Amino acid sequence: MKENHDELGYFMVQTLTEKMLEKGLISFDEYDKLTALNRQTFSPLYADLLPKRLDISSKTI
């Protein structure tokens, strides 16, 4: 049950973090720091499979 809570919590805060980056409310470095903190706080089940840094070179933000 805790795993499901962690997965949902991570998904919610990471979605919010991505929206903040898209709107220019945080920098890319702040995004990276928040992503690391989100993973540490919520310990998503597949955290080791997630990329360590977001590759935004192909995205337009």
N, C-alpha and C. Protein backbone atom coordinates (compact mmCIF):
# COMPACT_ATOMS: atom_id res chain seq x y z
N MET A 1 0.82 -1.20 0.00
CA MET A 1 0.00 0.00 0.00
C MET A 1 0.87 1.26 0.00
N LYS A 2 1.96 1.26 0.81
CA LYS A 2 2.84 2.42 0.85
C LYS A 2 3.45 2.70 -0.52
N GLU A 3 3.76 1.63 -1.26
CA GLU A 3 4.35 1.80 -2.58
C GLU A 3 3.40 2.57 -3.49
N ASN A 4 2.12 2.25 -3.43
CA ASN A 4 1.14 2.95 -4.26
C ASN A 4 1.07 4.42 -3.88
N HIS A 5 1.13 4.69 -2.57
CA HIS A 5 1.10 6.07 -2.10
C HIS A 5 2.32 6.82 -2.59
N ASP A 6 3.49 6.19 -2.53
CA ASP A 6 4.72 6.83 -3.00
C ASP A 6 4.66 7.09 -4.50
N GLU A 7 4.16 6.13 -5.26
CA GLU A 7 4.06 6.30 -6.71
C GLU A 7 3.12 7.46 -7.04
N LEU A 8 1.98 7.52 -6.39
CA LEU A 8 1.00 8.58 -6.66
C LEU A 8 1.57 9.93 -6.23
N GLY A 9 2.18 9.97 -5.05
CA GLY A 9 2.77 11.22 -4.58
C GLY A 9 3.85 11.72 -5.52
N TYR A 10 4.71 10.81 -5.96
CA TYR A 10 5.78 11.18 -6.88
C TYR A 10 5.19 11.71 -8.19
N PHE A 11 4.22 10.99 -8.72
CA PHE A 11 3.60 11.41 -9.98
C PHE A 11 3.00 12.81 -9.86
N MET A 12 2.32 13.07 -8.75
CA MET A 12 1.67 14.37 -8.57
C MET A 12 2.68 15.50 -8.46
N VAL A 13 3.69 15.33 -7.60
CA VAL A 13 4.65 16.43 -7.43
C VAL A 13 5.56 16.58 -8.64
N GLN A 14 5.86 15.48 -9.33
CA GLN A 14 6.70 15.60 -10.51
C GLN A 14 5.95 16.28 -11.64
N THR A 15 4.66 16.02 -11.76
CA THR A 15 3.84 16.70 -12.77
C THR A 15 3.81 18.20 -12.49
N LEU A 16 3.65 18.56 -11.23
CA LEU A 16 3.67 19.97 -10.84
C LEU A 16 5.03 20.60 -11.13
N THR A 17 6.09 19.88 -10.84
CA THR A 17 7.44 20.37 -11.10
C THR A 17 7.64 20.62 -12.60
N GLU A 18 7.16 19.71 -13.44
CA GLU A 18 7.28 19.87 -14.89
C GLU A 18 6.47 21.08 -15.38
N LYS A 19 5.29 21.27 -14.82
CA LYS A 19 4.46 22.43 -15.21
C LYS A 19 5.15 23.73 -14.82
N MET A 20 5.78 23.75 -13.66
CA MET A 20 6.50 24.95 -13.22
C MET A 20 7.65 25.26 -14.17
N LEU A 21 8.35 24.23 -14.64
CA LEU A 21 9.44 24.42 -15.60
C LEU A 21 8.89 24.95 -16.93
N GLU A 22 7.82 24.34 -17.40
CA GLU A 22 7.21 24.75 -18.66
C GLU A 22 6.77 26.21 -18.63
N LYS A 23 6.27 26.68 -17.49
CA LYS A 23 5.78 28.05 -17.37
C LYS A 23 6.89 29.04 -17.04
N GLY A 24 8.11 28.54 -16.89
CA GLY A 24 9.23 29.42 -16.60
C GLY A 24 9.29 29.88 -15.15
N LEU A 25 8.59 29.19 -14.27
CA LEU A 25 8.59 29.58 -12.86
C LEU A 25 9.83 29.10 -12.12
N ILE A 26 10.48 28.06 -12.69
CA ILE A 26 11.73 27.56 -12.12
C ILE A 26 12.72 27.34 -13.26
N SER A 27 13.99 27.37 -12.92
CA SER A 27 15.03 27.14 -13.92
C SER A 27 15.23 25.63 -14.11
N PHE A 28 16.01 25.28 -15.13
CA PHE A 28 16.30 23.88 -15.38
C PHE A 28 17.07 23.26 -14.22
N ASP A 29 18.00 24.03 -13.65
CA ASP A 29 18.77 23.53 -12.49
C ASP A 29 17.84 23.29 -11.30
N GLU A 30 16.90 24.19 -11.09
CA GLU A 30 15.93 24.01 -9.99
C GLU A 30 15.06 22.79 -10.26
N TYR A 31 14.71 22.59 -11.52
CA TYR A 31 13.93 21.40 -11.90
C TYR A 31 14.69 20.13 -11.53
N ASP A 32 15.97 20.09 -11.88
CA ASP A 32 16.79 18.92 -11.56
C ASP A 32 16.85 18.67 -10.06
N LYS A 33 17.04 19.73 -9.29
CA LYS A 33 17.11 19.60 -7.84
C LYS A 33 15.78 19.11 -7.26
N LEU A 34 14.68 19.67 -7.75
CA LEU A 34 13.36 19.23 -7.27
C LEU A 34 13.07 17.78 -7.66
N THR A 35 13.48 17.39 -8.87
CA THR A 35 13.27 16.01 -9.31
C THR A 35 14.03 15.05 -8.40
N ALA A 36 15.27 15.38 -8.07
CA ALA A 36 16.06 14.54 -7.17
C ALA A 36 15.41 14.48 -5.79
N LEU A 37 14.93 15.61 -5.30
CA LEU A 37 14.27 15.65 -4.00
C LEU A 37 12.97 14.85 -4.03
N ASN A 38 12.22 14.95 -5.12
CA ASN A 38 10.98 14.19 -5.25
C ASN A 38 11.26 12.69 -5.21
N ARG A 39 12.29 12.27 -5.89
CA ARG A 39 12.64 10.84 -5.91
C ARG A 39 13.08 10.37 -4.53
N GLN A 40 13.81 11.21 -3.84
CA GLN A 40 14.28 10.86 -2.51
C GLN A 40 13.12 10.82 -1.51
N THR A 41 12.21 11.77 -1.62
CA THR A 41 11.09 11.87 -0.70
C THR A 41 10.07 10.75 -0.90
N PHE A 42 9.74 10.49 -2.16
CA PHE A 42 8.67 9.54 -2.45
C PHE A 42 9.17 8.15 -2.83
N SER A 43 10.44 8.02 -3.12
CA SER A 43 11.03 6.73 -3.47
C SER A 43 10.17 5.92 -4.43
N PRO A 44 9.93 6.44 -5.64
CA PRO A 44 9.11 5.67 -6.57
C PRO A 44 9.76 4.32 -6.85
N LEU A 45 8.93 3.32 -7.05
CA LEU A 45 9.36 1.94 -7.22
C LEU A 45 10.41 1.80 -8.30
N TYR A 46 10.25 2.52 -9.40
CA TYR A 46 11.16 2.38 -10.54
C TYR A 46 12.11 3.56 -10.66
N ALA A 47 12.47 4.18 -9.56
CA ALA A 47 13.34 5.37 -9.60
C ALA A 47 14.65 5.11 -10.31
N ASP A 48 15.20 3.91 -10.16
CA ASP A 48 16.48 3.60 -10.81
C ASP A 48 16.37 3.56 -12.33
N LEU A 49 15.16 3.38 -12.85
CA LEU A 49 14.97 3.33 -14.30
C LEU A 49 14.71 4.71 -14.89
N LEU A 50 14.42 5.69 -14.05
CA LEU A 50 14.13 7.03 -14.53
C LEU A 50 15.43 7.74 -14.89
N PRO A 51 15.39 8.61 -15.90
CA PRO A 51 16.61 9.34 -16.26
C PRO A 51 17.02 10.25 -15.12
N LYS A 52 18.32 10.42 -14.92
CA LYS A 52 18.83 11.27 -13.85
C LYS A 52 18.61 12.74 -14.16
N ARG A 53 18.70 13.10 -15.42
CA ARG A 53 18.46 14.49 -15.84
C ARG A 53 17.50 14.48 -17.02
N LEU A 54 16.72 15.52 -17.12
CA LEU A 54 15.78 15.66 -18.22
C LEU A 54 16.53 16.18 -19.44
N ASP A 55 16.34 15.52 -20.57
CA ASP A 55 16.94 16.00 -21.81
C ASP A 55 15.93 16.89 -22.49
N ILE A 56 16.14 18.20 -22.42
CA ILE A 56 15.19 19.13 -23.02
C ILE A 56 15.68 19.64 -24.37
N SER A 57 16.76 19.08 -24.86
CA SER A 57 17.30 19.57 -26.13
C SER A 57 16.32 19.39 -27.28
N SER A 58 15.43 18.39 -27.19
CA SER A 58 14.48 18.16 -28.27
C SER A 58 13.13 18.79 -27.97
N LYS A 59 12.98 19.41 -26.79
CA LYS A 59 11.72 20.04 -26.41
C LYS A 59 11.82 21.55 -26.54
N THR A 60 10.72 22.16 -26.81
CA THR A 60 10.65 23.62 -26.80
C THR A 60 9.85 24.03 -25.57
N ILE A 61 10.50 24.76 -24.70
CA ILE A 61 9.82 25.18 -23.46
C ILE A 61 9.71 26.68 -23.44
